[in-house]
Amino acid sequence: MSQRYIISVDQSTQGTKALLFDESGSLIKRADKSHRQIVNEKGWVSHDPMEIYENTITVVKNLMEESGIDPAQVVCAGISNQRETSLAWDKVTGEPLGQAIVWQCARATKLCERVEKNGNAERIRQATGIPLSPYFPASKIAWILENVDGAAEKAQKGQICHGTVDSWLIYKLTGGKSYKTDYSNASRTQLFNIFELRWDEEVCRMFGIDPANMAQVCDSDSDFGETDFEGTLPHPVPIHGVLGDSHGSLFGQGCLHSGMTKSTYGTGSSIMMNIGETPVLSSHGVVTSLAWKIGGKVNYVLEGNLNYTGAVITWLKDDLKLIQSPAETEDLARKAVSDDSLYLVPAFSGLGAPYWDSHAAASIVGMTRTTGKAELVRAGVECIAYQITDIVRAMSEDAGVKVGELRVDGGPTRNSYLMQFQSDIADAGVQVPDSEELSGIGPAYAAGLALGVWGQEIFCKLKRTKYEPQMEKEVRERKYQGWKKAVRTVLTK
């Protein structure tokens, strides 16, 4: 029997990757292409939906050409996506209605304030597991309907599609035949009732959204339709695994059981704890979502999201010009004055979990005469670990369990200073896999499992580097309390 291959498309904030896996689960080739970050004078962050789709086709074509495999041996595809980024398009023509609103963008803040004034915030949280915030698609879609020419009229006629990037790609890749999303992405929209597993009509109406215009919600390992990537493959193959990028990395990390926790370090970060088949509403500032519905079973997660983690390193490089590449941060962090008390609170577009303050502004706290370039770079690196520890502690309180192990992934995990500091501040073991592509690995694993390409042994594929806490408890608490004090200086509520 000839070798079988699986394509996984990982559509992220900065760009789109195509990954090729053989039937042993080994990643054998990757192709990627970045897209524009469109930021206007108001600080609104947007993406071009057509650029994202065209890049998806391009990277898959490049993947096939560069791998040298017979495209006829590809048997299925998976998709992971930047989750809360929201867009709308014409249901008939497939043309996007304006630009996609990126998850970081807080342009819908006033819309959320209006919903809150109507007394609906707690009803929304009780149904969706998510506190009211412009971070999530509900208010972003509502903003599109209210502000993009023609969107409201098309919505009234049922001629509109709106949602997250997975549903956009599925629609385009299947030639408009499939308008679907999966449970993981649906649960992040702030429109989906995570207890009743359906679009919540009452919540949708609070945002002026007709649930009939939302995508069909499907199991994460179901058949989402077929694609040949615009003729790249000689025959259509099923899209058989769809997961939001953070859910994809949770699945790819093998966090399949209650209490298992992972953190993805990307532009922003998602910290997730699998809490099993019974949801728990948070009282400590994190959210409850669906992990997935796979094999007919739903798993829930507690999750905290951060707007600026890896993006802080980008800021140090592109805006402050302190470094020329992210790799320089490790050496500079080690050279910094050891007892410097500098903290960077990266609230460039407000603070997400567990603070949920969209009006908070970024700040540098605790400068002294010894503060210089190395100290500022180290503060940028360390703020990533501090933010993640905030969420790990909140989830531990909600779940009633101490997180003893954190499985991590993403580009910044190459920084051994950051990984050791993360282990020290969180007081937990940190496990770094030998692959950075966990958000793309997850849907590939799900698709391969659904088609019987491999079994549960696939989760033993990754090899891991382990970090253990080395910092004394007194030092850890002093540093962490300094961080909490710095955060309080930027909070507005």
Protein backbone atom coordinates (compact mmCIF):
# COMPACT_ATOMS: atom_id res chain seq x y z
CA MET A 1 0.00 0.00 0.00
CA SER A 2 1.35 3.44 -0.92
CA GLN A 3 2.16 6.04 1.72
CA ARG A 4 -0.71 8.27 2.85
CA TYR A 5 -0.26 11.95 3.65
CA ILE A 6 -2.26 14.57 5.51
CA ILE A 7 -2.17 18.33 4.92
CA SER A 8 -2.77 20.65 7.86
CA VAL A 9 -3.40 24.35 7.28
CA ASP A 10 -2.48 26.50 10.27
CA GLN A 11 -3.93 29.95 9.67
CA SER A 12 -2.50 32.23 12.37
CA THR A 13 -2.37 35.92 13.22
CA GLN A 14 0.90 36.57 11.39
CA GLY A 15 0.57 34.21 8.45
CA THR A 16 -0.53 30.87 7.04
CA LYS A 17 1.37 27.58 7.17
CA ALA A 18 0.80 24.37 5.30
CA LEU A 19 2.16 21.26 7.03
CA LEU A 20 2.59 17.81 5.50
CA PHE A 21 2.45 14.70 7.69
CA ASP A 22 3.19 11.13 6.65
CA GLU A 23 1.21 8.18 7.99
CA SER A 24 3.56 7.75 10.96
CA GLY A 25 2.59 11.28 12.08
CA SER A 26 5.98 12.76 11.23
CA LEU A 27 6.03 16.35 9.97
CA ILE A 28 8.00 16.12 6.75
CA LYS A 29 7.52 19.54 5.14
CA ARG A 30 6.29 23.02 5.91
CA ALA A 31 5.53 26.04 3.73
CA ASP A 32 4.40 29.41 5.01
CA LYS A 33 3.51 32.92 3.92
CA SER A 34 2.84 36.01 6.00
CA HIS A 35 0.02 38.47 5.43
CA ARG A 36 -0.34 42.18 6.12
CA GLN A 37 -1.15 43.54 9.57
CA ILE A 38 -3.43 46.45 8.72
CA VAL A 39 -3.39 48.99 11.56
CA ASN A 40 -5.09 52.38 11.11
CA GLU A 41 -4.67 55.67 12.95
CA LYS A 42 -7.19 54.55 15.59
CA GLY A 43 -5.17 51.46 16.38
CA TRP A 44 -7.72 49.12 14.80
CA VAL A 45 -6.15 45.86 13.64
CA SER A 46 -7.47 44.19 10.47
CA HIS A 47 -6.64 41.46 7.96
CA ASP A 48 -7.62 41.08 4.32
CA PRO A 49 -9.80 37.91 4.05
CA MET A 50 -8.96 37.35 0.39
CA GLU A 51 -5.24 37.67 1.10
CA ILE A 52 -5.60 34.98 3.77
CA TYR A 53 -7.47 32.65 1.41
CA GLU A 54 -5.09 33.23 -1.50
CA ASN A 55 -2.12 32.63 0.80
CA THR A 56 -3.72 29.37 1.90
CA ILE A 57 -3.83 28.14 -1.69
CA THR A 58 -0.28 29.39 -2.29
CA VAL A 59 1.26 27.61 0.71
CA VAL A 60 -0.45 24.33 -0.13
CA LYS A 61 0.81 24.56 -3.72
CA ASN A 62 4.30 25.34 -2.49
CA LEU A 63 4.10 22.47 -0.01
CA MET A 64 3.27 20.00 -2.76
CA GLU A 65 5.99 21.30 -5.08
CA GLU A 66 8.70 21.40 -2.42
CA SER A 67 7.87 18.03 -0.85
CA GLY A 68 8.11 16.15 -4.13
CA ILE A 69 5.38 13.68 -3.11
CA ASP A 70 2.64 12.51 -5.42
CA PRO A 71 -0.35 14.79 -4.61
CA ALA A 72 -2.63 11.79 -5.24
CA GLN A 73 -1.32 10.31 -1.97
CA VAL A 74 -2.89 13.09 0.13
CA VAL A 75 -5.97 11.60 1.79
CA CYS A 76 -7.37 14.43 3.90
CA ALA A 77 -6.79 17.88 5.36
CA GLY A 78 -7.13 19.63 8.68
CA ILE A 79 -7.46 23.31 9.60
CA SER A 80 -6.46 25.31 12.64
CA ASN A 81 -7.17 29.01 12.82
CA GLN A 82 -6.69 32.23 14.74
CA ARG A 83 -9.91 31.97 16.65
CA GLU A 84 -11.59 35.25 17.60
CA THR A 85 -10.69 37.11 14.39
CA SER A 86 -14.08 37.79 12.79
CA LEU A 87 -15.37 38.58 9.33
CA ALA A 88 -18.44 38.58 7.13
CA TRP A 89 -18.99 37.74 3.49
CA ASP A 90 -21.73 37.60 0.88
CA LYS A 91 -23.41 34.21 0.98
CA VAL A 92 -24.08 34.26 -2.76
CA THR A 93 -20.88 35.70 -4.24
CA GLY A 94 -18.43 34.66 -1.53
CA GLU A 95 -16.96 38.16 -1.52
CA PRO A 96 -15.85 39.50 1.87
CA LEU A 97 -17.71 42.44 3.37
CA GLY A 98 -14.83 44.63 4.39
CA GLN A 99 -11.80 43.50 6.32
CA ALA A 100 -11.55 40.89 9.06
CA ILE A 101 -11.38 42.31 12.58
CA VAL A 102 -8.39 40.74 14.33
CA TRP A 103 -8.83 39.27 17.80
CA GLN A 104 -6.48 41.91 19.29
CA CYS A 105 -8.66 44.76 18.05
CA ALA A 106 -10.79 46.53 20.64
CA ARG A 107 -12.88 48.65 18.25
CA ALA A 108 -16.11 47.09 19.58
CA THR A 109 -15.51 48.30 23.15
CA LYS A 110 -18.38 50.82 23.09
CA LEU A 111 -20.71 48.19 21.67
CA CYS A 112 -19.89 45.91 24.63
CA GLU A 113 -20.48 48.80 27.01
CA ARG A 114 -23.91 49.30 25.47
CA VAL A 115 -24.77 45.62 25.94
CA GLU A 116 -23.56 45.81 29.53
CA LYS A 117 -25.69 48.88 30.25
CA ASN A 118 -28.71 46.86 29.16
CA GLY A 119 -27.95 44.45 32.02
CA ASN A 120 -27.03 41.48 29.84
CA ALA A 121 -23.40 40.79 30.82
CA GLU A 122 -24.05 38.10 33.42
CA ARG A 123 -26.68 36.35 31.30
CA ILE A 124 -24.11 36.16 28.50
CA ARG A 125 -21.42 34.75 30.80
CA GLN A 126 -23.78 32.18 32.28
CA ALA A 127 -24.67 30.88 28.81
CA THR A 128 -21.35 31.14 27.00
CA GLY A 129 -18.80 30.85 29.82
CA ILE A 130 -17.20 34.10 28.62
CA PRO A 131 -17.18 37.54 30.27
CA LEU A 132 -18.37 40.35 28.03
CA SER A 133 -15.41 41.72 26.08
CA PRO A 134 -14.61 43.22 22.66
CA TYR A 135 -12.00 40.45 22.37
CA PHE A 136 -14.67 37.95 21.27
CA PRO A 137 -16.50 37.66 17.92
CA ALA A 138 -20.00 38.52 19.21
CA SER A 139 -19.29 42.25 19.43
CA LYS A 140 -16.97 42.16 16.40
CA ILE A 141 -19.72 40.67 14.19
CA ALA A 142 -22.20 43.17 15.65
CA TRP A 143 -19.78 45.97 14.78
CA ILE A 144 -19.58 44.74 11.18
CA LEU A 145 -23.36 44.60 10.90
CA GLU A 146 -23.65 48.14 12.22
CA ASN A 147 -20.74 49.77 10.40
CA VAL A 148 -19.99 47.98 7.11
CA ASP A 149 -22.02 49.18 4.13
CA GLY A 150 -24.62 46.64 3.04
CA ALA A 151 -23.97 44.17 5.86
CA ALA A 152 -27.20 44.82 7.76
CA GLU A 153 -29.30 44.61 4.61
CA LYS A 154 -27.73 41.31 3.58
CA ALA A 155 -28.25 39.96 7.09
CA GLN A 156 -31.95 40.81 6.97
CA LYS A 157 -32.27 38.91 3.68
CA GLY A 158 -30.28 35.91 4.94
CA GLN A 159 -27.60 36.63 2.34
CA ILE A 160 -24.70 36.92 4.74
CA CYS A 161 -22.18 34.59 6.34
CA HIS A 162 -20.24 35.72 9.38
CA GLY A 163 -18.00 34.12 11.90
CA THR A 164 -14.42 33.02 12.41
CA VAL A 165 -11.64 32.30 9.93
CA ASP A 166 -12.19 28.53 9.94
CA SER A 167 -15.69 28.94 8.51
CA TRP A 168 -14.37 31.39 5.90
CA LEU A 169 -11.69 28.96 4.74
CA ILE A 170 -14.08 25.99 4.74
CA TYR A 171 -16.55 27.99 2.66
CA LYS A 172 -13.94 29.10 0.14
CA LEU A 173 -12.10 25.77 -0.06
CA THR A 174 -15.33 23.88 -0.73
CA GLY A 175 -16.51 26.36 -3.35
CA GLY A 176 -19.30 27.65 -1.11
CA LYS A 177 -20.77 24.19 -0.49
CA SER A 178 -19.97 24.08 3.23
CA TYR A 179 -20.72 26.83 5.73
CA LYS A 180 -19.57 25.12 8.89
CA THR A 181 -17.55 25.59 12.06
CA ASP A 182 -16.54 23.23 14.84
CA TYR A 183 -17.41 23.18 18.55
CA SER A 184 -14.08 24.66 19.65
CA ASN A 185 -14.44 27.75 17.47
CA ALA A 186 -18.16 28.13 18.15
CA SER A 187 -17.51 28.17 21.88
CA ARG A 188 -15.20 31.18 21.50
CA THR A 189 -17.71 33.41 19.71
CA GLN A 190 -19.64 34.44 22.87
CA LEU A 191 -22.77 33.42 20.96
CA PHE A 192 -22.77 29.66 21.63
CA ASN A 193 -24.46 28.09 24.66
CA ILE A 194 -21.76 25.72 25.92
CA PHE A 195 -24.21 23.85 28.15
CA GLU A 196 -26.94 23.27 25.57
CA LEU A 197 -24.45 23.02 22.65
CA ARG A 198 -26.31 25.36 20.31
CA TRP A 199 -26.31 28.96 19.14
CA ASP A 200 -28.03 30.85 21.94
CA GLU A 201 -30.85 32.77 20.26
CA GLU A 202 -31.33 35.18 23.14
CA VAL A 203 -27.65 36.05 23.36
CA CYS A 204 -27.44 36.46 19.58
CA ARG A 205 -30.33 38.92 19.68
CA MET A 206 -28.57 40.95 22.39
CA PHE A 207 -25.89 41.67 19.80
CA GLY A 208 -28.35 42.16 16.93
CA ILE A 209 -27.29 38.90 15.28
CA ASP A 210 -29.66 36.43 13.63
CA PRO A 211 -28.53 32.91 14.66
CA ALA A 212 -29.88 31.62 11.34
CA ASN A 213 -26.96 33.41 9.69
CA MET A 214 -24.35 31.59 11.79
CA ALA A 215 -22.46 28.55 10.52
CA GLN A 216 -23.53 24.96 11.16
CA VAL A 217 -21.67 23.62 14.19
CA CYS A 218 -20.04 20.21 13.64
CA ASP A 219 -17.90 17.75 15.61
CA SER A 220 -14.24 18.75 15.42
CA ASP A 221 -13.34 15.49 13.65
CA SER A 222 -16.32 15.38 11.29
CA ASP A 223 -16.33 15.77 7.51
CA PHE A 224 -16.46 19.50 6.76
CA GLY A 225 -16.59 19.09 2.99
CA GLU A 226 -14.09 18.37 0.24
CA THR A 227 -11.41 20.46 -1.42
CA ASP A 228 -8.69 20.06 -4.02
CA PHE A 229 -7.12 23.41 -3.08
CA GLU A 230 -8.07 24.90 -6.43
CA GLY A 231 -6.64 22.07 -8.50
CA THR A 232 -3.48 21.55 -6.46
CA LEU A 233 -4.61 17.97 -5.77
CA PRO A 234 -5.81 15.64 -8.57
CA HIS A 235 -8.95 14.82 -6.61
CA PRO A 236 -10.91 16.40 -3.74
CA VAL A 237 -10.08 15.23 -0.21
CA PRO A 238 -12.18 15.66 2.93
CA ILE A 239 -11.44 18.36 5.49
CA HIS A 240 -11.63 16.03 8.47
CA GLY A 241 -10.28 17.96 11.43
CA VAL A 242 -10.99 21.57 12.38
CA LEU A 243 -9.88 23.17 15.65
CA GLY A 244 -9.17 26.66 16.88
CA ASP A 245 -5.40 27.03 17.07
CA SER A 246 -5.19 26.84 20.87
CA HIS A 247 -7.50 23.83 20.99
CA GLY A 248 -5.39 22.27 18.28
CA SER A 249 -2.26 22.62 20.36
CA LEU A 250 -4.07 21.24 23.45
CA PHE A 251 -5.05 18.17 21.43
CA GLY A 252 -1.64 17.87 19.77
CA GLN A 253 0.05 18.10 23.18
CA GLY A 254 -1.99 15.08 24.27
CA CYS A 255 -3.78 17.01 27.04
CA LEU A 256 -6.74 14.65 26.79
CA HIS A 257 -7.53 14.23 30.48
CA SER A 258 -8.86 16.49 33.22
CA GLY A 259 -6.21 18.69 34.85
CA MET A 260 -3.73 18.60 31.97
CA THR A 261 -2.59 22.13 31.04
CA LYS A 262 -0.81 23.75 28.12
CA SER A 263 0.33 27.23 27.13
CA THR A 264 0.79 28.41 23.57
CA TYR A 265 3.30 31.23 23.07
CA GLY A 266 2.43 33.11 19.92
CA THR A 267 1.64 36.72 19.11
CA GLY A 268 -0.61 36.41 22.12
CA SER A 269 -0.99 33.40 24.36
CA SER A 270 -3.66 30.89 25.24
CA ILE A 271 -3.38 28.94 28.47
CA MET A 272 -5.79 25.99 28.67
CA MET A 273 -6.66 23.40 31.26
CA ASN A 274 -8.71 20.36 30.24
CA ILE A 275 -11.48 19.97 32.84
CA GLY A 276 -13.18 16.92 31.33
CA GLU A 277 -16.82 16.45 30.37
CA THR A 278 -18.35 18.70 33.05
CA PRO A 279 -18.09 22.50 32.69
CA VAL A 280 -17.04 24.74 35.58
CA LEU A 281 -17.76 28.46 35.40
CA SER A 282 -14.78 30.51 36.50
CA SER A 283 -14.88 32.92 39.43
CA HIS A 284 -11.25 34.01 38.99
CA GLY A 285 -11.25 35.83 35.65
CA VAL A 286 -10.66 33.02 33.17
CA VAL A 287 -13.26 31.61 30.81
CA THR A 288 -14.93 28.28 30.25
CA SER A 289 -15.02 26.95 26.71
CA LEU A 290 -15.30 23.71 24.82
CA ALA A 291 -12.04 21.95 24.12
CA TRP A 292 -13.61 20.02 21.24
CA LYS A 293 -16.15 17.40 20.38
CA ILE A 294 -14.19 14.41 19.13
CA GLY A 295 -15.24 10.78 19.02
CA GLY A 296 -18.74 11.98 19.87
CA LYS A 297 -17.63 13.32 23.29
CA VAL A 298 -17.37 16.91 24.45
CA ASN A 299 -14.49 18.08 26.62
CA TYR A 300 -14.43 21.44 28.38
CA VAL A 301 -11.54 23.75 29.24
CA LEU A 302 -10.72 26.65 31.46
CA GLU A 303 -8.78 29.21 29.44
CA GLY A 304 -7.08 32.53 29.80
CA ASN A 305 -5.98 34.64 26.85
CA LEU A 306 -3.29 37.28 26.61
CA ASN A 307 -3.09 39.92 23.90
CA TYR A 308 0.65 40.57 24.02
CA THR A 309 3.22 37.88 24.69
CA GLY A 310 5.34 37.13 21.60
CA ALA A 311 4.09 40.48 20.27
CA VAL A 312 6.12 42.14 23.04
CA ILE A 313 9.29 40.78 21.43
CA THR A 314 8.10 42.12 18.07
CA TRP A 315 7.58 45.52 19.71
CA LEU A 316 11.10 45.48 21.15
CA LYS A 317 12.45 44.67 17.66
CA ASP A 318 10.31 46.67 15.25
CA ASP A 319 9.27 49.70 17.30
CA LEU A 320 11.99 50.25 19.90
CA LYS A 321 14.79 48.85 17.68
CA LEU A 322 16.46 47.34 20.78
CA ILE A 323 17.06 44.01 19.08
CA GLN A 324 17.45 42.83 15.52
CA SER A 325 16.02 39.36 16.08
CA PRO A 326 14.08 37.55 18.85
CA ALA A 327 17.09 35.28 19.39
CA GLU A 328 19.01 38.19 20.95
CA THR A 329 16.60 38.44 23.89
CA GLU A 330 18.00 35.41 25.72
CA ASP A 331 21.56 36.68 25.90
CA LEU A 332 20.46 40.21 26.87
CA ALA A 333 18.17 38.86 29.60
CA ARG A 334 21.08 36.97 31.12
CA LYS A 335 23.31 40.08 31.00
CA ALA A 336 20.78 42.33 32.77
CA VAL A 337 21.46 43.57 36.31
CA SER A 338 20.20 40.74 38.51
CA ASP A 339 18.37 42.84 41.12
CA ASP A 340 16.88 45.40 38.72
CA SER A 341 13.23 45.97 39.68
CA LEU A 342 11.86 46.75 36.22
CA TYR A 343 8.45 45.47 35.09
CA LEU A 344 6.80 45.91 31.70
CA VAL A 345 3.00 45.65 31.70
CA PRO A 346 2.14 45.15 27.99
CA ALA A 347 -1.42 46.51 27.98
CA PHE A 348 -1.04 47.93 24.47
CA SER A 349 -4.67 47.11 23.69
CA GLY A 350 -5.95 46.62 27.21
CA LEU A 351 -5.53 43.57 29.42
CA GLY A 352 -7.25 40.24 28.87
CA ALA A 353 -7.54 37.46 31.44
CA PRO A 354 -7.74 37.54 34.38
CA TYR A 355 -8.17 41.34 34.55
CA TRP A 356 -10.47 42.09 31.59
CA ASP A 357 -9.72 45.78 31.42
CA SER A 358 -9.89 46.98 27.82
CA HIS A 359 -9.03 50.55 28.88
CA ALA A 360 -5.75 49.67 30.62
CA ALA A 361 -2.65 51.22 29.02
CA ALA A 362 0.85 49.78 28.79
CA SER A 363 3.42 50.89 31.34
CA ILE A 364 7.04 50.48 32.37
CA VAL A 365 7.28 50.39 36.17
CA GLY A 366 10.25 50.48 38.54
CA MET A 367 13.01 52.13 36.50
CA THR A 368 16.23 52.96 38.31
CA ARG A 369 19.56 54.44 37.29
CA THR A 370 20.78 50.92 36.45
CA THR A 371 17.94 50.35 33.97
CA GLY A 372 19.24 50.04 30.44
CA LYS A 373 18.72 48.14 27.22
CA ALA A 374 19.32 44.68 28.72
CA GLU A 375 17.01 45.35 31.65
CA LEU A 376 14.20 46.56 29.39
CA VAL A 377 14.56 43.54 27.10
CA ARG A 378 14.53 41.20 30.10
CA ALA A 379 11.40 42.90 31.45
CA GLY A 380 9.79 42.25 28.06
CA VAL A 381 10.72 38.58 28.21
CA GLU A 382 9.68 38.15 31.84
CA CYS A 383 6.29 39.83 31.40
CA ILE A 384 5.32 36.88 29.23
CA ALA A 385 5.92 34.45 32.10
CA TYR A 386 4.24 36.71 34.66
CA GLN A 387 1.07 36.99 32.57
CA ILE A 388 0.90 33.23 32.05
CA THR A 389 1.42 32.64 35.77
CA ASP A 390 -1.53 34.96 36.51
CA ILE A 391 -3.72 32.62 34.50
CA VAL A 392 -2.23 29.38 35.79
CA ARG A 393 -2.95 30.52 39.34
CA ALA A 394 -6.52 31.56 38.45
CA MET A 395 -7.26 28.21 36.79
CA SER A 396 -5.82 26.33 39.76
CA GLU A 397 -8.23 28.19 42.05
CA ASP A 398 -11.23 27.44 39.82
CA ALA A 399 -10.41 23.76 39.26
CA GLY A 400 -9.18 23.14 42.79
CA VAL A 401 -5.95 21.57 41.58
CA LYS A 402 -2.35 22.75 41.53
CA VAL A 403 -0.80 22.83 38.08
CA GLY A 404 2.34 20.76 38.48
CA GLU A 405 3.17 20.54 34.79
CA LEU A 406 2.77 22.99 31.94
CA ARG A 407 3.09 21.72 28.37
CA VAL A 408 4.17 24.59 26.15
CA ASP A 409 4.59 25.36 22.46
CA GLY A 410 5.29 28.22 20.09
CA GLY A 411 8.33 30.13 18.87
CA PRO A 412 9.27 31.83 22.18
CA THR A 413 9.74 28.40 23.81
CA ARG A 414 13.16 28.32 22.09
CA ASN A 415 14.27 30.91 24.65
CA SER A 416 15.68 28.84 27.50
CA TYR A 417 15.85 31.89 29.80
CA LEU A 418 12.10 32.40 29.37
CA MET A 419 11.33 28.70 29.87
CA GLN A 420 13.36 28.48 33.08
CA PHE A 421 11.86 31.72 34.37
CA GLN A 422 8.38 30.41 33.49
CA SER A 423 9.03 27.26 35.49
CA ASP A 424 10.37 29.30 38.43
CA ILE A 425 7.56 31.87 38.58
CA ALA A 426 4.74 29.38 37.98
CA ASP A 427 6.38 26.87 40.35
CA ALA A 428 5.66 24.11 37.85
CA GLY A 429 7.54 21.84 35.52
CA VAL A 430 7.64 23.09 31.94
CA GLN A 431 7.77 20.64 29.02
CA VAL A 432 8.88 21.89 25.61
CA PRO A 433 8.18 19.54 22.68
CA ASP A 434 10.58 18.98 19.81
CA SER A 435 8.11 20.60 17.40
CA GLU A 436 6.80 24.18 17.33
CA GLU A 437 3.83 23.32 15.14
CA LEU A 438 1.37 22.12 17.78
CA SER A 439 -1.60 24.18 16.58
CA GLY A 440 -1.24 22.51 13.18
CA ILE A 441 -0.41 19.08 14.62
CA GLY A 442 -3.71 18.94 16.54
CA PRO A 443 -6.10 19.00 13.56
CA ALA A 444 -3.77 16.68 11.64
CA TYR A 445 -3.93 14.17 14.50
CA ALA A 446 -7.73 14.54 14.67
CA ALA A 447 -8.10 14.02 10.92
CA GLY A 448 -5.78 10.99 10.91
CA LEU A 449 -7.62 9.43 13.85
CA ALA A 450 -10.98 9.98 12.14
CA LEU A 451 -9.75 8.22 8.99
CA GLY A 452 -7.87 5.46 10.82
CA VAL A 453 -4.48 6.56 9.49
CA TRP A 454 -3.13 6.14 13.05
CA GLY A 455 -4.35 5.32 16.55
CA GLN A 456 -3.84 6.74 20.06
CA GLU A 457 -0.15 5.91 19.90
CA ILE A 458 0.23 9.09 17.86
CA PHE A 459 0.28 11.10 21.12
CA CYS A 460 3.61 9.51 22.08
CA LYS A 461 5.25 10.95 18.97
CA LEU A 462 6.61 14.14 20.54
CA LYS A 463 9.88 14.27 22.50
CA ARG A 464 10.19 16.90 25.23
CA THR A 465 12.79 19.05 27.00
CA LYS A 466 11.94 19.53 30.68
CA TYR A 467 12.54 22.51 32.98
CA GLU A 468 12.01 22.32 36.75
CA PRO A 469 11.66 25.18 39.30
CA GLN A 470 14.98 26.36 40.74
CA MET A 471 14.03 29.71 42.29
CA GLU A 472 13.66 29.97 46.07
CA LYS A 473 10.08 30.46 47.25
CA GLU A 474 10.84 33.81 48.92
CA VAL A 475 12.38 35.21 45.74
CA ARG A 476 9.52 33.87 43.62
CA GLU A 477 6.86 35.52 45.75
CA ARG A 478 8.76 38.83 45.98
CA LYS A 479 9.11 38.99 42.21
CA TYR A 480 5.51 37.95 41.58
CA GLN A 481 4.09 40.45 44.09
CA GLY A 482 6.16 43.15 42.37
CA TRP A 483 4.45 42.18 39.13
CA LYS A 484 0.99 42.37 40.71
CA LYS A 485 1.80 45.81 42.08
CA ALA A 486 2.90 46.97 38.60
CA VAL A 487 -0.33 45.67 37.06
CA ARG A 488 -2.42 47.58 39.59
CA THR A 489 -0.87 50.83 38.37
CA VAL A 490 -2.48 50.42 34.92
CA LEU A 491 -5.91 49.05 35.85
CA THR A 492 -8.86 51.41 35.35
CA LYS A 493 -11.47 49.39 37.19
